């Protein structure tokens, strides 16, 4: 495995020759372990990291990203607890086989809960529904760039 890094940026080269970019920032509102966990989870869901792919060791990734070992371990342990990764003693961490339908259902449930809150806020502020539609369109267009 080849790792290329520059301070808070790391690229994992996967077997197919593709790259998974990992970026963490101390300036983010989100803790570094959550940034790392979320990026790895996204790569797993999108199939960029396939099942049984061996993740970089905790020490290697902490060195490459210039973050603490405990931070990487926490991200990996959270991924284990959420079922995206499994560990084998003395061998490391590996990508689990995931049920994409189950994962998507989980995300859709969370989106639905968040949208309930958005609609409540819209109603509280007496904002027209078309304004929300326009915001969603703008957000969606920004994600595809």
Protein backbone atom coordinates (compact mmCIF):
# COMPACT_ATOMS: atom_id res chain seq x y z
CA UNK A 1 0.00 0.00 0.00
CA UNK A 2 1.32 3.43 -0.93
CA UNK A 3 0.40 6.42 1.19
CA UNK A 4 0.98 9.93 0.00
CA UNK A 5 0.60 12.71 2.53
CA UNK A 6 0.95 16.40 3.04
CA UNK A 7 0.29 17.57 6.57
CA UNK A 8 -3.45 17.08 7.10
CA UNK A 9 -4.09 15.30 3.81
CA UNK A 10 -3.58 11.64 3.06
CA UNK A 11 -4.30 9.51 -0.01
CA UNK A 12 -4.79 5.78 0.38
CA UNK A 13 -4.03 3.85 -2.79
CA UNK A 14 -6.45 0.96 -3.09
CA UNK A 15 -5.78 -2.20 -5.10
CA UNK A 16 -7.53 -0.94 -8.23
CA UNK A 17 -5.09 1.97 -8.41
CA UNK A 18 -7.75 4.45 -7.30
CA UNK A 19 -7.18 6.86 -4.46
CA UNK A 20 -9.19 7.64 -1.36
CA UNK A 21 -8.43 11.12 -0.12
CA UNK A 22 -8.51 11.72 3.62
CA UNK A 23 -8.47 15.29 4.85
CA UNK A 24 -8.70 16.42 8.45
CA UNK A 25 -8.66 19.95 9.74
CA UNK A 26 -8.09 21.32 13.21
CA UNK A 27 -10.23 24.29 12.13
CA UNK A 28 -13.37 22.22 11.62
CA UNK A 29 -16.22 22.32 14.14
CA UNK A 30 -16.22 18.53 13.96
CA UNK A 31 -13.67 16.58 16.05
CA UNK A 32 -10.82 15.06 14.00
CA UNK A 33 -11.81 11.47 14.83
CA UNK A 34 -15.32 12.17 13.46
CA UNK A 35 -13.89 13.75 10.29
CA UNK A 36 -11.76 10.66 9.71
CA UNK A 37 -14.58 8.24 10.59
CA UNK A 38 -17.07 10.01 8.30
CA UNK A 39 -14.65 10.05 5.34
CA UNK A 40 -13.82 6.37 5.71
CA UNK A 41 -17.50 5.50 6.12
CA UNK A 42 -18.36 7.46 2.97
CA UNK A 43 -15.61 5.67 1.02
CA UNK A 44 -16.95 2.31 2.21
CA UNK A 45 -20.56 3.14 1.33
CA UNK A 46 -19.53 4.38 -2.13
CA UNK A 47 -17.51 1.20 -2.71
CA UNK A 48 -14.18 3.03 -2.92
CA UNK A 49 -12.95 0.77 -0.12
CA UNK A 50 -14.15 -2.76 -0.83
CA UNK A 51 -14.95 -5.48 1.67
CA UNK A 52 -11.94 -7.07 3.34
CA UNK A 53 -9.69 -4.16 2.29
CA UNK A 54 -6.99 -3.73 4.96
CA UNK A 55 -6.94 -0.20 6.32
CA UNK A 56 -3.64 1.45 7.21
CA UNK A 57 -2.46 0.64 10.71
CA UNK A 58 -3.37 3.06 13.47
CA UNK A 59 0.28 4.12 13.80
CA UNK A 60 0.83 4.61 10.07
CA UNK A 61 -2.33 6.65 9.56
CA UNK A 62 -1.69 8.79 12.64
CA UNK A 63 1.82 9.52 11.35
CA UNK A 64 0.65 10.26 7.80
CA UNK A 65 -2.14 12.59 8.95
CA UNK A 66 -0.02 13.99 11.77
CA UNK A 67 -2.70 13.27 14.35
CA UNK A 68 -2.70 11.28 17.55
CA UNK A 69 -2.81 7.50 17.68
CA UNK A 70 -5.78 7.71 20.07
CA UNK A 71 -7.65 9.82 17.51
CA UNK A 72 -7.23 7.23 14.74
CA UNK A 73 -8.04 4.39 17.16
CA UNK A 74 -11.26 6.14 18.20
CA UNK A 75 -12.31 6.59 14.55
CA UNK A 76 -11.56 2.93 13.79
CA UNK A 77 -13.32 1.71 16.95
CA UNK A 78 -16.41 3.78 16.09
CA UNK A 79 -16.41 2.22 12.61
CA UNK A 80 -16.18 -1.23 14.22
CA UNK A 81 -19.11 -0.41 16.52
CA UNK A 82 -21.16 0.81 13.55
CA UNK A 83 -20.37 -2.35 11.55
CA UNK A 84 -18.33 -0.75 8.75
CA UNK A 85 -14.98 -2.22 9.83
CA UNK A 86 -13.83 -5.29 11.74
CA UNK A 87 -10.54 -5.89 13.50
CA UNK A 88 -8.40 -8.97 13.73
CA UNK A 89 -5.96 -9.20 16.59
CA UNK A 90 -2.38 -8.53 15.46
CA UNK A 91 -3.53 -8.17 11.83
CA UNK A 92 -5.31 -4.82 11.77
CA UNK A 93 -8.58 -3.33 10.62
CA UNK A 94 -10.51 -4.46 7.57
CA UNK A 95 -13.58 -3.19 5.71
CA UNK A 96 -16.71 -5.18 6.57
CA UNK A 97 -19.28 -6.41 4.10
CA UNK A 98 -22.16 -3.97 4.46
CA UNK A 99 -25.82 -4.21 3.58
CA UNK A 100 -26.17 -1.09 1.43
CA UNK A 101 -29.98 -1.16 1.62
CA UNK A 102 -29.83 -1.20 5.43
CA UNK A 103 -27.29 1.65 5.45
CA UNK A 104 -29.42 3.71 3.06
CA UNK A 105 -32.52 3.07 5.19
CA UNK A 106 -30.60 4.29 8.24
CA UNK A 107 -29.55 7.45 6.42
CA UNK A 108 -33.07 8.03 5.05
CA UNK A 109 -34.47 7.74 8.56
CA UNK A 110 -31.98 10.34 9.79
CA UNK A 111 -32.75 12.61 6.81
CA UNK A 112 -36.46 12.28 7.55
CA UNK A 113 -35.91 13.30 11.19
CA UNK A 114 -33.84 16.30 10.10
CA UNK A 115 -36.44 17.32 7.54
CA UNK A 116 -39.14 17.21 10.24
CA UNK A 117 -37.06 19.77 12.15
CA UNK A 118 -36.56 21.88 9.00
CA UNK A 119 -40.31 21.92 8.31
CA UNK A 120 -40.98 22.89 11.94
CA UNK A 121 -38.52 25.78 11.65
CA UNK A 122 -40.05 26.81 8.30
CA UNK A 123 -43.49 26.88 9.88
CA UNK A 124 -42.27 28.76 12.98
CA UNK A 125 -40.70 31.45 10.78
CA UNK A 126 -43.61 31.48 8.28
CA UNK A 127 -41.25 30.75 5.37
CA UNK A 128 -42.75 29.72 2.05
CA UNK A 129 -42.10 26.11 0.97
CA UNK A 130 -40.66 27.27 -2.39
CA UNK A 131 -37.81 28.95 -0.48
CA UNK A 132 -36.89 25.56 1.01
CA UNK A 133 -37.07 23.94 -2.41
CA UNK A 134 -34.67 26.55 -3.81
CA UNK A 135 -32.26 26.03 -0.91
CA UNK A 136 -32.31 22.25 -1.46
CA UNK A 137 -31.66 22.72 -5.18
CA UNK A 138 -28.70 25.00 -4.46
CA UNK A 139 -27.30 22.57 -1.88
CA UNK A 140 -27.73 19.64 -4.29
CA UNK A 141 -26.03 21.52 -7.12
CA UNK A 142 -23.12 22.40 -4.86
CA UNK A 143 -22.63 18.74 -3.87
CA UNK A 144 -22.29 17.61 -7.46
CA UNK A 145 -19.43 19.94 -8.36
